[in-house]
Protein backbone atom coordinates (compact mmCIF):
# COMPACT_ATOMS: atom_id res chain seq x y z
CA MET A 1 0.00 0.00 0.00
CA ASN A 2 1.44 3.43 -0.94
CA VAL A 3 1.08 6.54 1.15
CA GLU A 4 -1.74 7.99 -0.97
CA GLU A 5 -3.80 4.83 -0.56
CA GLY A 6 -3.13 4.71 3.17
CA PHE A 7 -4.35 8.22 3.84
CA ALA A 8 -7.27 7.90 1.45
CA LEU A 9 -8.56 4.83 3.29
CA ARG A 10 -8.44 6.70 6.60
CA GLY A 11 -11.27 8.90 5.46
CA ARG A 12 -13.48 5.93 4.58
CA ASN A 13 -12.90 3.49 7.42
CA PRO A 14 -14.41 3.87 10.91
CA ASP A 15 -12.02 5.53 13.33
CA VAL A 16 -10.96 2.78 15.73
CA LEU A 17 -9.72 5.38 18.24
CA THR A 18 -13.30 6.45 18.92
CA CYS A 19 -14.26 3.09 20.37
CA ILE A 20 -11.26 1.42 22.02
CA ALA A 21 -11.64 0.61 25.71
CA ASN A 22 -9.63 2.46 28.33
CA LEU A 23 -6.77 0.68 30.04
CA SER A 24 -8.00 1.94 33.43
CA ASN A 25 -9.39 5.06 35.08
CA ASP A 26 -5.86 6.42 35.53
CA GLU A 27 -4.71 5.83 31.92
CA VAL A 28 -7.57 7.12 29.83
CA PHE A 29 -7.64 7.23 26.03
CA THR A 30 -8.51 10.62 24.57
CA PRO A 31 -11.40 10.72 22.09
CA PRO A 32 -10.28 12.09 18.68
CA VAL A 33 -12.89 14.86 18.75
CA PHE A 34 -11.59 16.11 22.09
CA ALA A 35 -7.96 15.90 20.95
CA SER A 36 -8.93 17.97 17.94
CA GLN A 37 -10.57 20.56 20.20
CA MET A 38 -7.37 20.92 22.22
CA LEU A 39 -5.40 21.37 19.00
CA ASP A 40 -7.86 24.06 17.90
CA THR A 41 -7.00 25.96 21.10
CA VAL A 42 -3.28 25.75 20.30
CA SER A 43 -3.90 26.80 16.71
CA ALA A 44 -5.95 29.84 17.74
CA SER A 45 -3.33 30.95 20.26
CA TRP A 46 -0.52 30.53 17.74
CA ALA A 47 -2.41 32.68 15.24
CA ALA A 48 -3.13 35.34 17.87
CA ASP A 49 0.54 35.45 18.88
CA HIS A 50 1.94 35.31 15.30
CA ASP A 51 -0.11 37.88 13.37
CA GLY A 52 -2.63 35.33 12.14
CA ALA A 53 -0.11 32.74 10.97
CA ASP A 54 -1.19 29.13 10.56
CA ILE A 55 0.77 26.77 12.78
CA TRP A 56 -0.05 23.88 10.44
CA ALA A 57 1.67 25.64 7.54
CA ASP A 58 4.99 25.95 9.41
CA GLN A 59 7.41 23.11 8.66
CA THR A 60 9.76 24.11 11.52
CA VAL A 61 7.30 23.59 14.41
CA LYS A 62 7.99 20.56 16.61
CA PHE A 63 5.33 18.71 18.62
CA LEU A 64 5.74 16.26 21.53
CA ASP A 65 3.26 13.97 23.26
CA PRO A 66 5.40 12.74 26.19
CA PHE A 67 2.87 10.17 27.39
CA THR A 68 1.23 8.89 24.26
CA LYS A 69 -1.22 6.01 24.51
CA SER A 70 -3.43 5.59 21.45
CA GLY A 71 -1.39 8.10 19.45
CA VAL A 72 -4.45 10.24 18.82
CA PHE A 73 -2.73 13.60 19.40
CA LEU A 74 0.20 12.73 17.13
CA ARG A 75 -2.14 11.40 14.47
CA GLU A 76 -4.36 14.49 14.51
CA ILE A 77 -1.29 16.76 14.39
CA THR A 78 0.06 14.80 11.42
CA LYS A 79 -3.24 15.04 9.55
CA ARG A 80 -3.33 18.82 10.00
CA LEU A 81 0.28 19.27 8.95
CA ILE A 82 -0.27 17.17 5.83
CA MET A 83 -2.99 19.59 4.75
CA GLY A 84 -1.30 22.76 5.97
CA LEU A 85 2.09 22.11 4.34
CA GLU A 86 0.72 21.19 0.93
CA SER A 87 1.90 24.40 -0.70
CA GLU A 88 5.27 24.32 1.07
CA ILE A 89 6.00 20.64 0.27
CA PRO A 90 3.75 19.71 -2.70
CA ASN A 91 4.86 16.07 -2.96
CA LEU A 92 2.76 14.03 -0.51
CA GLN A 93 5.43 11.41 0.23
CA GLU A 94 8.08 14.05 0.87
CA ARG A 95 5.62 15.96 3.04
CA VAL A 96 4.76 12.91 5.14
CA ASP A 97 8.44 11.96 5.47
CA HIS A 98 9.31 15.45 6.68
CA ILE A 99 6.45 15.64 9.18
CA LEU A 100 7.06 12.24 10.72
CA THR A 101 10.84 12.55 10.98
CA GLN A 102 11.22 16.26 11.83
CA GLN A 103 8.03 17.50 13.49
CA VAL A 104 6.09 14.80 15.38
CA PHE A 105 7.51 13.04 18.45
CA GLY A 106 6.09 10.86 21.22
CA ILE A 107 7.00 8.82 24.30
CA GLY A 108 4.88 5.73 24.99
CA THR A 109 3.57 5.07 28.49
CA THR A 110 3.86 1.29 28.04
CA GLN A 111 5.09 -1.08 25.37
CA LEU A 112 1.51 -1.75 24.29
CA THR A 113 0.61 1.92 23.93
CA SER A 114 3.80 2.65 22.00
CA LEU A 115 2.80 -0.01 19.46
CA MET A 116 -0.70 1.45 19.28
CA ALA A 117 0.66 4.95 18.77
CA ARG A 118 2.98 3.86 15.97
CA ARG A 119 0.12 2.05 14.32
CA SER A 120 -1.99 5.23 14.52
CA VAL A 121 0.74 7.52 13.16
CA TYR A 122 2.90 5.35 10.88
CA CYS A 123 0.14 2.86 9.89
CA SER A 124 2.48 0.20 11.24
CA LYS A 125 3.50 -0.85 14.73
CA PHE A 126 7.08 -0.66 13.48
CA ALA A 127 8.26 2.68 12.10
CA ASN A 128 10.42 0.91 9.51
CA GLY A 129 7.89 -1.84 8.83
CA GLN A 130 6.59 -2.96 5.44
CA HIS A 131 3.34 -1.01 5.80
CA SER A 132 4.81 2.16 7.31
CA VAL A 133 3.84 5.31 5.41
CA THR A 134 7.43 6.56 5.58
CA ARG A 135 10.73 4.95 4.60
CA ARG A 136 12.93 7.45 6.42
CA PHE A 137 13.32 5.52 9.69
CA ASN A 138 16.06 2.96 10.26
CA SER A 139 14.62 1.72 13.54
CA GLU A 140 11.36 0.12 14.64
CA VAL A 141 10.81 2.93 17.13
CA GLY A 142 10.94 5.92 14.81
CA ASN A 143 10.08 9.07 16.75
CA ILE A 144 7.69 7.31 19.14
CA TRP A 145 10.04 6.04 21.82
CA PHE A 146 9.53 3.45 24.49
CA GLU A 147 11.89 1.42 26.64
CA ARG A 148 11.09 -0.11 29.98
CA THR A 149 12.04 2.22 32.83
CA GLU A 150 12.53 1.11 36.42
CA HIS A 151 11.70 2.93 39.62
CA THR A 152 14.50 4.30 41.78
CA TRP A 153 13.78 3.05 45.28
CA ALA A 154 14.79 5.50 47.98
CA THR A 155 13.86 6.05 51.62
CA GLN A 156 10.88 4.18 53.04
CA ASP A 157 10.88 2.00 49.91
CA LYS A 158 9.31 4.72 47.79
CA CYS A 159 10.40 5.76 44.31
CA LYS A 160 12.32 9.04 44.54
CA TYR A 161 10.67 10.33 41.36
CA CYS A 162 7.03 9.32 41.54
CA GLY A 163 6.49 8.05 45.10
CA ALA A 164 5.43 4.56 44.02
CA SER A 165 5.52 1.85 46.68
CA LYS A 166 8.22 -0.77 46.26
CA ALA A 167 5.98 -3.37 47.89
CA THR A 168 3.39 -2.87 45.13
CA LEU A 169 5.32 -2.03 41.97
CA ASP A 170 8.62 -3.86 42.35
CA ARG A 171 7.08 -6.91 40.69
CA GLY A 172 9.47 -8.21 38.08
CA GLU A 173 10.01 -7.72 34.37
CA ASP A 174 6.97 -9.72 33.32
CA ARG A 175 4.60 -6.92 34.42
CA GLU A 176 4.50 -3.20 33.68
CA SER A 177 6.54 -1.12 36.09
CA HIS A 178 4.47 2.07 35.57
CA ALA A 179 7.74 3.96 35.91
CA TYR A 180 7.04 6.59 33.29
CA ALA A 181 10.23 7.70 31.56
CA PHE A 182 9.23 11.35 31.29
CA ILE A 183 9.23 11.92 35.05
CA HIS A 184 11.92 9.43 36.11
CA THR A 185 14.91 11.66 35.48
CA ASP A 186 16.79 14.50 37.16
CA ASN A 187 17.38 16.38 33.92
CA ILE A 188 14.57 16.16 31.39
CA LYS A 189 16.38 18.14 28.68
CA THR A 190 19.33 15.76 28.76
CA ARG A 191 16.99 12.78 28.80
CA ILE A 192 15.05 14.03 25.78
CA ALA A 193 18.31 14.54 23.88
CA GLU A 194 19.22 10.93 24.66
CA LEU A 195 15.85 9.63 23.44
CA PHE A 196 15.72 11.54 20.16
CA GLY A 197 19.39 11.83 19.28
CA GLY A 198 20.20 15.47 19.89
CA GLU A 199 19.14 18.70 21.54
CA MET A 200 15.41 19.21 21.04
CA GLN A 201 13.34 22.35 21.46
CA PHE A 202 9.63 21.61 21.23
CA ASP A 203 7.20 24.32 20.29
CA VAL A 204 4.11 22.44 21.48
CA ILE A 205 3.80 19.78 24.18
CA ILE A 206 0.37 18.21 24.29
CA GLY A 207 -1.22 15.13 25.82
CA ASN A 208 -3.23 13.29 28.42
CA PRO A 209 -0.93 12.06 31.21
CA PRO A 210 -1.57 9.18 33.62
CA TYR A 211 -3.71 10.54 36.44
CA GLN A 212 -2.68 8.50 39.47
CA LEU A 213 -0.31 5.79 40.60
CA ASP A 214 -1.43 2.24 39.98
CA ASP A 215 -0.25 1.57 43.49
CA GLY A 216 -3.01 -0.26 45.31
CA GLY A 217 -5.13 2.83 45.96
CA HIS A 218 -8.36 3.62 44.20
CA GLY A 219 -10.65 6.56 43.65
CA THR A 220 -9.87 9.55 45.85
CA SER A 221 -7.46 7.47 47.96
CA ALA A 222 -5.00 6.90 45.09
CA ALA A 223 -2.02 9.25 44.90
CA PRO A 224 -2.25 11.75 42.03
CA ILE A 225 0.66 11.80 39.59
CA TYR A 226 -0.44 14.03 36.71
CA GLN A 227 1.04 17.12 38.34
CA LYS A 228 4.54 15.65 37.96
CA PHE A 229 4.08 15.45 34.19
CA VAL A 230 2.91 19.08 34.01
CA GLU A 231 5.89 20.29 36.02
CA GLN A 232 8.33 18.26 33.95
CA ALA A 233 6.84 19.53 30.69
CA LYS A 234 7.32 23.12 31.88
CA ASN A 235 10.99 22.31 32.46
CA LEU A 236 11.32 21.71 28.69
CA GLU A 237 10.22 25.32 28.13
CA PRO A 238 7.95 24.77 25.11
CA ARG A 239 6.16 27.73 23.56
CA TYR A 240 2.82 26.10 24.35
CA LEU A 241 1.82 23.40 26.78
CA THR A 242 -1.66 21.90 26.87
CA MET A 243 -2.82 18.87 28.84
CA VAL A 244 -6.09 17.34 29.95
CA ILE A 245 -6.01 16.55 33.68
CA PRO A 246 -8.48 16.02 36.56
CA SER A 247 -9.94 19.27 37.91
CA ARG A 248 -9.25 18.33 41.53
CA TRP A 249 -6.09 20.42 41.48
CA PHE A 250 -8.22 23.58 41.66
CA ALA A 251 -8.53 23.23 45.43
CA GLY A 252 -5.37 21.19 46.14
CA GLY A 253 -5.56 18.28 48.54
CA LYS A 254 -3.62 15.04 48.55
CA GLY A 255 -0.21 15.74 47.04
CA LEU A 256 -1.53 18.72 45.07
CA ASP A 257 -1.12 21.76 47.33
CA ASP A 258 2.28 22.83 45.98
CA PHE A 259 1.16 22.15 42.42
CA ARG A 260 -1.99 24.20 42.91
CA GLN A 261 0.00 27.13 44.27
CA SER A 262 2.44 26.92 41.37
CA MET A 263 -0.32 26.82 38.76
CA LEU A 264 -2.46 29.56 40.27
CA SER A 265 0.50 31.92 40.59
CA ASP A 266 1.67 31.30 37.00
CA ASN A 267 0.34 34.06 34.73
CA ARG A 268 1.40 32.08 31.66
CA LEU A 269 -1.65 29.89 32.20
CA ARG A 270 -3.82 31.57 29.59
CA SER A 271 -6.92 29.37 29.40
CA ILE A 272 -8.67 26.61 31.32
CA THR A 273 -11.52 24.70 29.71
CA ASP A 274 -13.31 22.96 32.56
CA TYR A 275 -15.83 20.10 32.40
CA LEU A 276 -17.86 19.62 35.57
CA SER A 277 -18.54 16.02 34.57
CA ALA A 278 -15.68 13.88 33.27
CA ALA A 279 -18.25 11.77 31.43
CA ASP A 280 -18.78 14.67 29.04
CA VAL A 281 -15.20 14.10 27.84
CA PHE A 282 -14.51 10.45 28.66
CA PRO A 283 -17.77 8.48 28.50
CA GLY A 284 -17.92 5.65 31.00
CA VAL A 285 -14.89 6.76 33.02
CA GLY A 286 -15.39 7.01 36.78
CA LEU A 287 -13.52 10.22 37.56
CA LYS A 288 -15.13 12.28 40.30
CA GLY A 289 -14.77 16.06 40.18
CA GLY A 290 -14.54 16.62 36.44
CA VAL A 291 -11.63 17.25 34.09
CA CYS A 292 -10.10 20.25 32.41
CA TYR A 293 -7.53 21.11 29.82
CA PHE A 294 -5.31 24.16 30.06
CA LEU A 295 -3.14 26.19 27.70
CA TRP A 296 0.17 27.48 29.02
CA ASP A 297 1.77 30.16 26.84
CA ARG A 298 5.44 30.73 27.62
CA ASP A 299 5.85 34.11 25.91
CA HIS A 300 2.51 35.81 26.51
CA PRO A 301 1.54 36.11 30.20
CA GLY A 302 -1.77 37.59 31.22
CA GLU A 303 -5.13 36.82 32.79
CA CYS A 304 -6.77 33.45 32.20
CA LYS A 305 -9.85 32.68 30.12
CA ILE A 306 -12.08 30.28 32.09
CA SER A 307 -14.66 28.24 30.17
CA THR A 308 -17.04 26.01 32.13
CA ASN A 309 -18.93 23.18 30.42
CA PHE A 310 -21.65 20.88 31.68
CA LYS A 311 -23.84 18.74 29.43
CA ASP A 312 -26.30 20.96 27.53
CA TRP A 313 -25.86 24.05 29.70
CA PRO A 314 -24.64 27.22 27.93
CA VAL A 315 -20.86 27.51 28.14
CA SER A 316 -19.80 30.05 30.77
CA GLU A 317 -16.75 32.14 29.80
CA ALA A 318 -14.83 34.85 31.63
CA THR A 319 -11.29 36.23 31.60
CA ARG A 320 -10.13 36.79 35.15
CA PRO A 321 -7.29 36.22 37.64
CA LEU A 322 -6.80 32.64 38.75
CA LEU A 323 -6.53 33.81 42.34
CA GLU A 324 -8.94 36.51 43.40
CA ARG A 325 -7.67 38.81 46.11
CA GLY A 326 -8.23 37.26 49.53
CA ALA A 327 -8.90 33.75 48.14
CA GLU A 328 -6.47 30.90 48.54
CA ILE A 329 -8.24 28.65 46.04
CA PHE A 330 -9.35 28.87 42.44
CA ILE A 331 -13.07 29.62 42.23
CA ARG A 332 -14.36 27.19 39.66
CA PHE A 333 -17.59 28.91 38.64
CA ASN A 334 -17.38 32.28 36.89
CA GLU A 335 -20.81 33.14 38.26
CA GLY A 336 -19.57 32.27 41.73
CA VAL A 337 -17.06 35.12 41.68
CA SER A 338 -19.70 37.82 41.19
CA ILE A 339 -21.99 36.24 43.80
CA LEU A 340 -19.16 35.94 46.31
CA LYS A 341 -18.16 39.56 45.75
CA LYS A 342 -21.70 40.68 46.54
CA VAL A 343 -21.63 38.69 49.78
CA MET A 344 -18.30 40.26 50.72
CA GLN A 345 -19.55 43.75 49.90
CA VAL A 346 -22.39 43.39 52.40
CA GLU A 347 -20.32 41.65 55.07
CA THR A 348 -17.11 43.70 54.88
CA GLY A 349 -17.99 46.84 52.94
CA GLN A 350 -15.65 45.97 50.09
CA ALA A 351 -15.94 43.64 47.12
CA ASP A 352 -12.30 43.67 46.00
CA THR A 353 -11.26 41.04 48.53
CA LEU A 354 -12.85 37.67 49.18
CA ALA A 355 -11.57 37.31 52.74
CA LEU A 356 -14.05 37.47 55.60
CA PRO A 357 -12.81 38.64 59.01
CA GLU A 358 -12.43 35.69 61.36
CA ASP A 359 -15.27 36.79 63.62
CA ARG A 360 -17.63 36.82 60.61
CA ARG A 361 -16.74 33.36 59.28
CA PHE A 362 -19.04 30.40 59.77
CA ASP A 363 -16.07 28.02 59.64
CA THR A 364 -15.08 29.16 63.14
CA MET A 365 -18.25 27.41 64.34
CA VAL A 366 -17.34 24.14 62.58
CA SER A 367 -15.30 21.55 64.44
CA SER A 368 -12.26 19.74 63.21
CA ALA A 369 -12.60 16.08 62.31
CA ARG A 370 -12.86 13.75 65.32
CA VAL A 371 -13.43 16.65 67.70
CA PHE A 372 -14.60 14.31 70.49
CA GLY A 373 -11.86 11.76 69.83
CA PHE A 374 -14.03 8.90 68.49
CA ARG A 375 -13.03 7.16 65.25
CA THR A 376 -15.54 6.36 62.51
CA PHE A 377 -15.67 2.68 63.45
CA PHE A 378 -16.29 3.39 67.17
CA LYS A 379 -19.52 1.93 68.56
CA GLY A 380 -21.01 3.14 71.83
CA ARG A 381 -22.86 0.98 74.31
CA LYS A 382 -26.40 -0.09 73.38
CA THR A 383 -27.74 0.56 76.88
CA LYS A 384 -27.45 3.78 78.84
CA LYS A 385 -25.77 4.08 82.20
CA PRO A 386 -26.26 6.99 84.62
CA ASN A 387 -24.72 10.23 83.33
CA ASP A 388 -23.90 8.69 79.92
CA LEU A 389 -23.76 10.87 76.83
CA LEU A 390 -25.60 10.04 73.61
CA ILE A 391 -23.18 9.50 70.73
CA TYR A 392 -24.15 9.84 67.10
CA GLN A 393 -22.10 7.28 65.25
CA ASN A 394 -21.89 5.51 61.93
CA GLY A 395 -25.16 3.61 61.54
CA GLY A 396 -27.11 5.13 64.43
CA THR A 397 -26.57 6.08 68.06
CA GLY A 398 -25.11 4.62 71.27
CA PHE A 399 -23.93 5.72 74.71
CA VAL A 400 -20.54 6.68 76.16
CA SER A 401 -19.33 7.98 79.51
CA ARG A 402 -17.90 11.48 79.83
CA GLU A 403 -14.54 9.96 80.73
CA GLN A 404 -14.31 8.45 77.25
CA VAL A 405 -14.55 11.83 75.54
CA GLU A 406 -11.11 13.17 74.56
CA GLY A 407 -11.98 16.66 73.33
CA GLY A 408 -14.69 19.14 72.39
CA ALA A 409 -15.63 19.89 76.00
CA HIS A 410 -17.08 23.29 75.00
CA LEU A 411 -19.63 21.50 72.77
CA ILE A 412 -20.83 18.64 74.97
CA ASP A 413 -23.41 20.49 77.03
CA LYS A 414 -24.44 22.98 74.36
CA TRP A 415 -26.85 22.89 71.44
CA LYS A 416 -25.18 22.17 68.12
CA LEU A 417 -25.68 20.82 64.63
CA PHE A 418 -24.17 17.62 63.30
CA ALA A 419 -23.53 17.06 59.59
CA GLY A 420 -21.79 14.15 57.88
CA TYR A 421 -18.09 14.51 57.12
CA ALA A 422 -18.74 12.94 53.71
CA ALA A 423 -21.33 14.51 51.43
CA PRO A 424 -23.95 12.26 49.81
CA GLY A 425 -22.34 10.49 46.89
CA THR A 426 -23.49 10.00 43.32
CA GLY A 427 -21.29 7.06 42.49
CA ASN A 428 -18.85 8.05 39.78
CA ARG A 429 -21.18 10.68 38.32
CA ASP A 430 -21.12 14.43 38.78
CA THR A 431 -24.72 15.58 38.74
CA TYR A 432 -26.42 18.91 39.33
CA PRO A 433 -28.26 20.09 41.24
CA HIS A 434 -27.12 18.29 44.38
CA ARG A 435 -27.07 18.97 48.09
CA ILE A 436 -23.36 19.80 48.55
CA ILE A 437 -23.42 18.70 52.21
CA SER A 438 -25.07 15.87 54.10
CA THR A 439 -28.35 16.74 55.79
CA PRO A 440 -27.53 18.51 59.07
CA PHE A 441 -29.58 17.92 62.20
CA ILE A 442 -29.92 19.38 65.69
CA ALA A 443 -28.18 17.72 68.64
CA GLY A 444 -28.96 18.93 72.13
CA PRO A 445 -26.87 19.14 75.30
CA GLY A 446 -25.37 15.89 76.49
CA THR A 447 -24.48 14.64 72.99
CA VAL A 448 -21.26 13.88 71.11
CA SER A 449 -20.39 12.19 67.84
CA SER A 450 -17.81 10.01 66.16
CA GLU A 451 -15.74 11.44 63.31
CA THR A 452 -18.55 10.42 60.98
CA TYR A 453 -19.93 13.89 61.75
CA LEU A 454 -18.67 17.44 62.05
CA SER A 455 -20.14 19.61 64.77
CA MET A 456 -21.41 23.18 64.25
CA GLY A 457 -21.69 25.28 67.38
CA PRO A 458 -21.80 25.82 70.25
CA LEU A 459 -25.26 27.39 70.37
CA ASP A 460 -26.95 28.49 73.57
CA THR A 461 -30.57 27.57 72.91
CA GLU A 462 -32.71 25.32 70.79
CA THR A 463 -34.05 28.44 69.06
CA GLU A 464 -30.53 29.40 68.00
CA ALA A 465 -29.88 25.84 66.81
CA LYS A 466 -33.02 25.92 64.68
CA SER A 467 -31.96 29.25 63.22
CA ALA A 468 -28.48 27.98 62.34
CA LEU A 469 -30.00 24.84 60.85
CA SER A 470 -32.36 26.84 58.68
CA TYR A 471 -29.40 28.93 57.46
CA ILE A 472 -27.03 26.15 56.53
CA SER A 473 -29.92 24.40 54.78
CA CYS A 474 -30.37 27.38 52.42
CA ARG A 475 -29.20 26.97 48.87
CA LEU A 476 -27.05 30.08 48.91
CA ALA A 477 -25.17 29.04 52.05
CA ARG A 478 -24.45 25.64 50.53
CA PHE A 479 -23.44 27.25 47.23
CA LEU A 480 -20.78 29.21 49.13
CA VAL A 481 -19.60 25.90 50.58
CA LEU A 482 -19.35 24.45 47.07
CA LEU A 483 -17.04 27.26 45.94
CA HIS A 484 -14.43 25.98 48.42
CA LYS A 485 -15.17 22.25 48.13
CA SER A 486 -13.03 19.92 46.00
CA SER A 487 -14.18 16.45 47.02
CA GLN A 488 -16.97 14.58 48.79
CA HIS A 489 -15.31 15.38 52.14
CA VAL A 490 -16.79 18.44 53.83
CA THR A 491 -14.09 19.71 56.15
CA ARG A 492 -14.19 22.82 58.32
CA LYS A 493 -12.19 24.68 55.66
CA VAL A 494 -14.92 24.51 53.01
CA TYR A 495 -17.07 26.86 55.12
CA THR A 496 -14.49 29.67 54.73
CA PHE A 497 -16.65 31.73 52.36
CA VAL A 498 -19.84 31.29 54.42
CA PRO A 499 -20.59 34.31 56.65
CA ARG A 500 -22.10 34.03 60.11
CA GLN A 501 -25.61 35.31 60.66
CA THR A 502 -27.63 36.26 63.72
CA TRP A 503 -29.38 33.23 65.18
CA ASP A 504 -32.68 34.89 65.98
CA ARG A 505 -34.83 33.95 62.98
CA GLN A 506 -35.66 31.19 60.53
CA TRP A 507 -33.53 31.92 57.48
CA THR A 508 -34.78 31.39 53.93
CA ASP A 509 -33.09 31.75 50.56
CA GLU A 510 -35.38 34.62 49.72
CA MET A 511 -34.08 36.50 52.76
CA LEU A 512 -30.47 35.80 51.77
CA TYR A 513 -31.01 36.68 48.11
CA GLU A 514 -32.44 40.02 49.17
CA LYS A 515 -29.76 40.67 51.78
CA TYR A 516 -26.94 40.18 49.28
CA GLY A 517 -28.66 41.72 46.27
CA LEU A 518 -28.52 38.76 43.89
CA THR A 519 -29.95 39.23 40.42
CA GLU A 520 -32.50 36.89 38.86
CA ASP A 521 -29.77 35.31 36.74
CA GLU A 522 -27.56 34.74 39.79
CA ILE A 523 -30.45 33.22 41.73
CA ALA A 524 -31.25 30.95 38.78
CA PHE A 525 -27.62 29.80 38.67
CA VAL A 526 -27.52 29.00 42.39
CA GLU A 527 -30.73 27.01 42.12
CA LYS A 528 -29.45 25.17 39.05
CA ILE A 529 -26.41 24.02 41.02
CA VAL A 530 -27.84 23.39 44.51
CA ARG A 531 -30.79 21.16 45.29
CA PRO A 532 -33.31 22.28 47.92
CA MET A 533 -33.00 20.53 51.25
CA ASP A 534 -36.42 19.44 52.51
CA MET A 535 -36.15 18.57 56.15
CA ASP A 536 -37.89 18.55 59.50
CA LEU A 537 -35.96 20.85 61.81
CA PHE A 538 -36.71 18.64 64.83
CA GLU A 539 -35.89 15.27 63.33
CA ASN A 540 -32.53 13.56 63.08
CA PRO A 541 -32.25 11.76 59.72
CA ALA A 542 -31.48 8.10 60.42
CA GLU A 543 -29.28 7.53 57.41
CA ASP A 544 -28.35 10.27 54.95
């Protein structure tokens, strides 16, 4: 088959990359349509920065996917260059040879994915194979490199580069090591020169890195790893860097705090396209918290364009700072910034900072985890003894003596609210509207809880407790929680943006909307995101 026939058939055959199954939730194949969208973002930015020039008509531009799996990015880049360079290199075979040997480079994540990528780009799993669309390579690898890399075990039997556990991933040569070459090096520029035979300066780095270590963890308990790929790619100093990664980094958390700070303080981050539901990008993938792709522009710093996508909702777009003054986290919703500024204007007299004074913050009423000292699995006695306290625990209630309580003395004999530490889950789906927090309930004097619950208080009377309960049940209060919330865990910190109120009335959303001057559009947005919380103020929900 000649090169003309090979590329002609591509337009007539079904695209296999649209239907292959993912290797796992941490190594996810990118759909071709989404890869093309990311390339459109690069193309538009190149044109804006180069007086309208077409990146696909430039035969000097070099592209790298440093963690290629299906080869979809490299394939889509190649297709665009073949069209864009037609006038510069009229002969198709010469054009293909130039593109594949001088412009398009990749590093496989595993031996299997490197073969897949070569098949996608070269039409052969071997770059110099009989069916390859180029004859310029002398090796089977071509410009899509893969060799098995081993972990470097350091202190506490952890890999010094990625933190993998030796007990889990030191498992012999017959199984994948998951030691990704791109991040297992002290000098990435030297390593790249070794892989591709000389000093390389890439104009565009693009891809979809592994998301977490295949290290025995799962879901939110697995250690994130994608941030290491982003940081390493920046070390190569490309003109443009774009990657699709989980959106959890917005608020930091496990292993991500330093990365979050680095990203949010980097004014070269020029756009973030955020998807509230990962299923909108990767159908069938269980990835809680959504995904995003970003564009990092080395030579053109400035504010960041934020685009928020969710199913059939209108796309929300705004150009704004990644860190608003007074905020330590990235506020995911564009609409949330304007709403939060209105709240701050009323509470502090100024809207240019999102920091509430400590004496006005509701989070000062919220306990730390395990405030009374009881673990989640603790079970109190089934029968009550004299002077026992009632304990709210996982699965119901029990009884404990005061001597068993290790902390929270200021709460024991006061009125308070209890709310679950974990918000109600939706499996692996991100759905809206939802409740944001578990249903809170009133607990009177003489009560404690295990770490299944956080406590809100202390409050002096049942009337105050009912008032506080009505407030935290309001949609707007829970929306302000959402702006600081990155996972199903509802810690004290996520109440940072929620102001205190006076506990002398039954609060309603209508009262709060009026107090803070929300517009009809802002109210509609809050109510689209947050589900109403129907509840009996005097009843403790048995199981939330």
